[in-house]
């Protein structure tokens, strides 16, 4: 009697591979949408001559209220200068990501603090304006 015989259990691998591939693609797409340094949403000012530079060793963000965010911490200008003095600041590339509402005085104050810390490579982050 064949109908009473037990069949060997099989583990189907193909559906498991499909699910793992879907999860891999999902997490890659999610990761690509993240802001590289801190995850803060900064509305950068635009420039028609913006170029791509290598990722900075230190990113300084000027938030809407004028506070500075460095390595996910809110710091003052004096703390920024002290942080750069602790590092080998002559080889530290610093990028300033100012909100589009940041004043020129705020940006210049940050640049002064960075120069007092000893860094010489300073970049300004911007977004590319389309169509210009």
C-alpha atoms as a PDB file:
ATOM      1  CA  UNK A   1       0.000   0.000   0.000  1.00  0.00           C
ATOM      2  CA  UNK A   2       1.663   3.081  -1.298  1.00  0.00           C
ATOM      3  CA  UNK A   3      -0.576   5.679   0.259  1.00  0.00           C
ATOM      4  CA  UNK A   4       0.536   4.800   3.797  1.00  0.00           C
ATOM      5  CA  UNK A   5       4.223   5.207   3.045  1.00  0.00           C
ATOM      6  CA  UNK A   6       5.842   8.294   4.571  1.00  0.00           C
ATOM      7  CA  UNK A   7       7.606  10.715   2.288  1.00  0.00           C
ATOM      8  CA  UNK A   8      10.885  12.373   3.100  1.00  0.00           C
ATOM      9  CA  UNK A   9      10.540  15.998   4.226  1.00  0.00           C
ATOM     10  CA  UNK A  10      12.195  18.525   1.936  1.00  0.00           C
ATOM     11  CA  UNK A  11      13.321  22.008   2.741  1.00  0.00           C
ATOM     12  CA  UNK A  12      12.677  24.303  -0.185  1.00  0.00           C
ATOM     13  CA  UNK A  13      15.607  26.700  -0.561  1.00  0.00           C
ATOM     14  CA  UNK A  14      14.492  28.734  -3.595  1.00  0.00           C
ATOM     15  CA  UNK A  15      11.791  30.747  -1.745  1.00  0.00           C
ATOM     16  CA  UNK A  16      14.241  31.391   1.096  1.00  0.00           C
ATOM     17  CA  UNK A  17      16.825  32.744  -1.361  1.00  0.00           C
ATOM     18  CA  UNK A  18      14.173  35.015  -2.896  1.00  0.00           C
ATOM     19  CA  UNK A  19      13.283  36.445   0.493  1.00  0.00           C
ATOM     20  CA  UNK A  20      16.930  37.016   1.431  1.00  0.00           C
ATOM     21  CA  UNK A  21      17.606  38.766  -1.881  1.00  0.00           C
ATOM     22  CA  UNK A  22      14.549  40.976  -1.365  1.00  0.00           C
ATOM     23  CA  UNK A  23      15.753  41.914   2.138  1.00  0.00           C
ATOM     24  CA  UNK A  24      19.231  42.682   0.843  1.00  0.00           C
ATOM     25  CA  UNK A  25      17.874  44.989  -1.852  1.00  0.00           C
ATOM     26  CA  UNK A  26      15.531  46.649   0.642  1.00  0.00           C
ATOM     27  CA  UNK A  27      18.321  47.430   3.111  1.00  0.00           C
ATOM     28  CA  UNK A  28      20.680  48.660   0.385  1.00  0.00           C
ATOM     29  CA  UNK A  29      18.012  51.039  -0.918  1.00  0.00           C
ATOM     30  CA  UNK A  30      17.268  52.225   2.624  1.00  0.00           C
ATOM     31  CA  UNK A  31      20.940  52.820   3.359  1.00  0.00           C
ATOM     32  CA  UNK A  32      21.532  54.833   0.191  1.00  0.00           C
ATOM     33  CA  UNK A  33      18.850  57.317   1.243  1.00  0.00           C
ATOM     34  CA  UNK A  34      20.577  58.160   4.520  1.00  0.00           C
ATOM     35  CA  UNK A  35      22.647  61.322   4.931  1.00  0.00           C
ATOM     36  CA  UNK A  36      26.250  60.104   5.298  1.00  0.00           C
ATOM     37  CA  UNK A  37      27.385  61.993   8.345  1.00  0.00           C
ATOM     38  CA  UNK A  38      24.671  62.520  10.862  1.00  0.00           C
ATOM     39  CA  UNK A  39      21.193  61.885   9.575  1.00  0.00           C
ATOM     40  CA  UNK A  40      20.096  65.481  10.124  1.00  0.00           C
ATOM     41  CA  UNK A  41      17.965  67.040   7.437  1.00  0.00           C
ATOM     42  CA  UNK A  42      19.756  70.134   6.225  1.00  0.00           C
ATOM     43  CA  UNK A  43      18.341  72.242   3.430  1.00  0.00           C
ATOM     44  CA  UNK A  44      21.561  73.267   1.717  1.00  0.00           C
ATOM     45  CA  UNK A  45      21.862  76.414  -0.349  1.00  0.00           C
ATOM     46  CA  UNK A  46      22.128  75.887  -4.113  1.00  0.00           C
ATOM     47  CA  UNK A  47      24.941  76.637  -6.527  1.00  0.00           C
ATOM     48  CA  UNK A  48      25.146  76.209 -10.277  1.00  0.00           C
ATOM     49  CA  UNK A  49      28.903  75.554 -10.054  1.00  0.00           C
ATOM     50  CA  UNK A  50      28.834  72.907  -7.287  1.00  0.00           C
ATOM     51  CA  UNK A  51      31.312  70.057  -7.673  1.00  0.00           C
ATOM     52  CA  UNK A  52      31.663  66.736  -5.882  1.00  0.00           C
ATOM     53  CA  UNK A  53      34.493  66.479  -3.341  1.00  0.00           C
ATOM     54  CA  UNK A  54      35.676  63.469  -1.311  1.00  0.00           C
ATOM     55  CA  UNK A  55      33.825  62.853   1.964  1.00  0.00           C
ATOM     56  CA  UNK A  56      35.101  65.177   4.692  1.00  0.00           C
ATOM     57  CA  UNK A  57      36.933  63.990   7.742  1.00  0.00           C
ATOM     58  CA  UNK A  58      34.805  66.382   9.793  1.00  0.00           C
ATOM     59  CA  UNK A  59      31.354  67.732   8.931  1.00  0.00           C
ATOM     60  CA  UNK A  60      30.122  70.875  10.670  1.00  0.00           C
ATOM     61  CA  UNK A  61      26.407  71.559  10.274  1.00  0.00           C
ATOM     62  CA  UNK A  62      24.805  74.918  10.985  1.00  0.00           C
ATOM     63  CA  UNK A  63      21.205  74.237  11.985  1.00  0.00           C
ATOM     64  CA  UNK A  64      18.204  76.533  11.522  1.00  0.00           C
ATOM     65  CA  UNK A  65      18.561  77.981  15.029  1.00  0.00           C
ATOM     66  CA  UNK A  66      22.280  78.677  14.472  1.00  0.00           C
ATOM     67  CA  UNK A  67      23.677  75.891  16.638  1.00  0.00           C
ATOM     68  CA  UNK A  68      26.587  73.763  15.405  1.00  0.00           C
ATOM     69  CA  UNK A  69      26.262  69.993  15.048  1.00  0.00           C
ATOM     70  CA  UNK A  70      29.489  67.982  14.853  1.00  0.00           C
ATOM     71  CA  UNK A  71      29.518  64.179  15.095  1.00  0.00           C
ATOM     72  CA  UNK A  72      25.862  64.182  16.236  1.00  0.00           C
ATOM     73  CA  UNK A  73      26.579  66.559  19.139  1.00  0.00           C
ATOM     74  CA  UNK A  74      25.655  70.209  19.513  1.00  0.00           C
ATOM     75  CA  UNK A  75      28.809  72.216  20.258  1.00  0.00           C
ATOM     76  CA  UNK A  76      29.941  75.835  20.501  1.00  0.00           C
ATOM     77  CA  UNK A  77      32.531  77.624  18.384  1.00  0.00           C
ATOM     78  CA  UNK A  78      35.101  77.312  21.191  1.00  0.00           C
ATOM     79  CA  UNK A  79      34.478  73.565  21.457  1.00  0.00           C
ATOM     80  CA  UNK A  80      34.926  73.256  17.672  1.00  0.00           C
ATOM     81  CA  UNK A  81      38.299  75.008  17.880  1.00  0.00           C
ATOM     82  CA  UNK A  82      39.352  72.774  20.786  1.00  0.00           C
ATOM     83  CA  UNK A  83      38.225  69.646  18.900  1.00  0.00           C
ATOM     84  CA  UNK A  84      40.342  70.577  15.876  1.00  0.00           C
ATOM     85  CA  UNK A  85      43.371  71.345  18.058  1.00  0.00           C
ATOM     86  CA  UNK A  86      43.126  67.837  19.559  1.00  0.00           C
ATOM     87  CA  UNK A  87      43.272  66.265  16.102  1.00  0.00           C
ATOM     88  CA  UNK A  88      46.016  66.583  13.506  1.00  0.00           C
ATOM     89  CA  UNK A  89      44.054  69.480  12.038  1.00  0.00           C
ATOM     90  CA  UNK A  90      46.553  70.264   9.274  1.00  0.00           C
ATOM     91  CA  UNK A  91      45.392  67.044   7.577  1.00  0.00           C
ATOM     92  CA  UNK A  92      41.708  67.347   8.553  1.00  0.00           C
ATOM     93  CA  UNK A  93      39.357  68.318   5.748  1.00  0.00           C
ATOM     94  CA  UNK A  94      36.385  70.196   7.194  1.00  0.00           C
ATOM     95  CA  UNK A  95      33.128  70.715   5.316  1.00  0.00           C
ATOM     96  CA  UNK A  96      30.559  73.248   6.461  1.00  0.00           C
ATOM     97  CA  UNK A  97      26.943  72.360   5.704  1.00  0.00           C
ATOM     98  CA  UNK A  98      25.018  75.519   6.408  1.00  0.00           C
ATOM     99  CA  UNK A  99      21.272  75.646   6.247  1.00  0.00           C
ATOM    100  CA  UNK A 100      20.009  77.917   3.495  1.00  0.00           C
ATOM    101  CA  UNK A 101      18.714  80.264   6.201  1.00  0.00           C
ATOM    102  CA  UNK A 102      22.148  80.547   7.862  1.00  0.00           C
ATOM    103  CA  UNK A 103      23.548  84.040   7.759  1.00  0.00           C
ATOM    104  CA  UNK A 104      26.880  84.911   6.239  1.00  0.00           C
ATOM    105  CA  UNK A 105      28.063  85.990   9.687  1.00  0.00           C
ATOM    106  CA  UNK A 106      27.339  82.528  11.107  1.00  0.00           C
ATOM    107  CA  UNK A 107      29.309  80.892   8.292  1.00  0.00           C
ATOM    108  CA  UNK A 108      32.236  83.289   8.755  1.00  0.00           C
ATOM    109  CA  UNK A 109      32.266  82.644  12.526  1.00  0.00           C
ATOM    110  CA  UNK A 110      32.491  78.898  11.865  1.00  0.00           C
ATOM    111  CA  UNK A 111      35.290  79.424   9.321  1.00  0.00           C
ATOM    112  CA  UNK A 112      37.202  81.547  11.864  1.00  0.00           C
ATOM    113  CA  UNK A 113      36.806  78.852  14.536  1.00  0.00           C
ATOM    114  CA  UNK A 114      38.036  76.194  12.104  1.00  0.00           C
ATOM    115  CA  UNK A 115      41.081  78.260  11.114  1.00  0.00           C
ATOM    116  CA  UNK A 116      41.894  78.930  14.774  1.00  0.00           C
ATOM    117  CA  UNK A 117      41.821  75.156  15.258  1.00  0.00           C
ATOM    118  CA  UNK A 118      44.516  74.825  12.594  1.00  0.00           C
ATOM    119  CA  UNK A 119      42.577  73.270   9.714  1.00  0.00           C
ATOM    120  CA  UNK A 120      43.382  74.598   6.248  1.00  0.00           C
ATOM    121  CA  UNK A 121      41.120  72.495   4.024  1.00  0.00           C
ATOM    122  CA  UNK A 122      37.638  73.985   4.298  1.00  0.00           C
ATOM    123  CA  UNK A 123      34.735  73.223   1.971  1.00  0.00           C
ATOM    124  CA  UNK A 124      31.178  74.514   1.763  1.00  0.00           C
ATOM    125  CA  UNK A 125      28.417  71.984   1.075  1.00  0.00           C
ATOM    126  CA  UNK A 126      25.733  72.915  -1.429  1.00  0.00           C
ATOM    127  CA  UNK A 127      23.216  71.227  -3.648  1.00  0.00           C
ATOM    128  CA  UNK A 128      23.383  71.498  -7.415  1.00  0.00           C
ATOM    129  CA  UNK A 129      20.770  73.708  -8.992  1.00  0.00           C
ATOM    130  CA  UNK A 130      19.094  71.891 -11.868  1.00  0.00           C
ATOM    131  CA  UNK A 131      18.913  73.573 -15.234  1.00  0.00           C
ATOM    132  CA  UNK A 132      21.590  76.177 -14.698  1.00  0.00           C
END
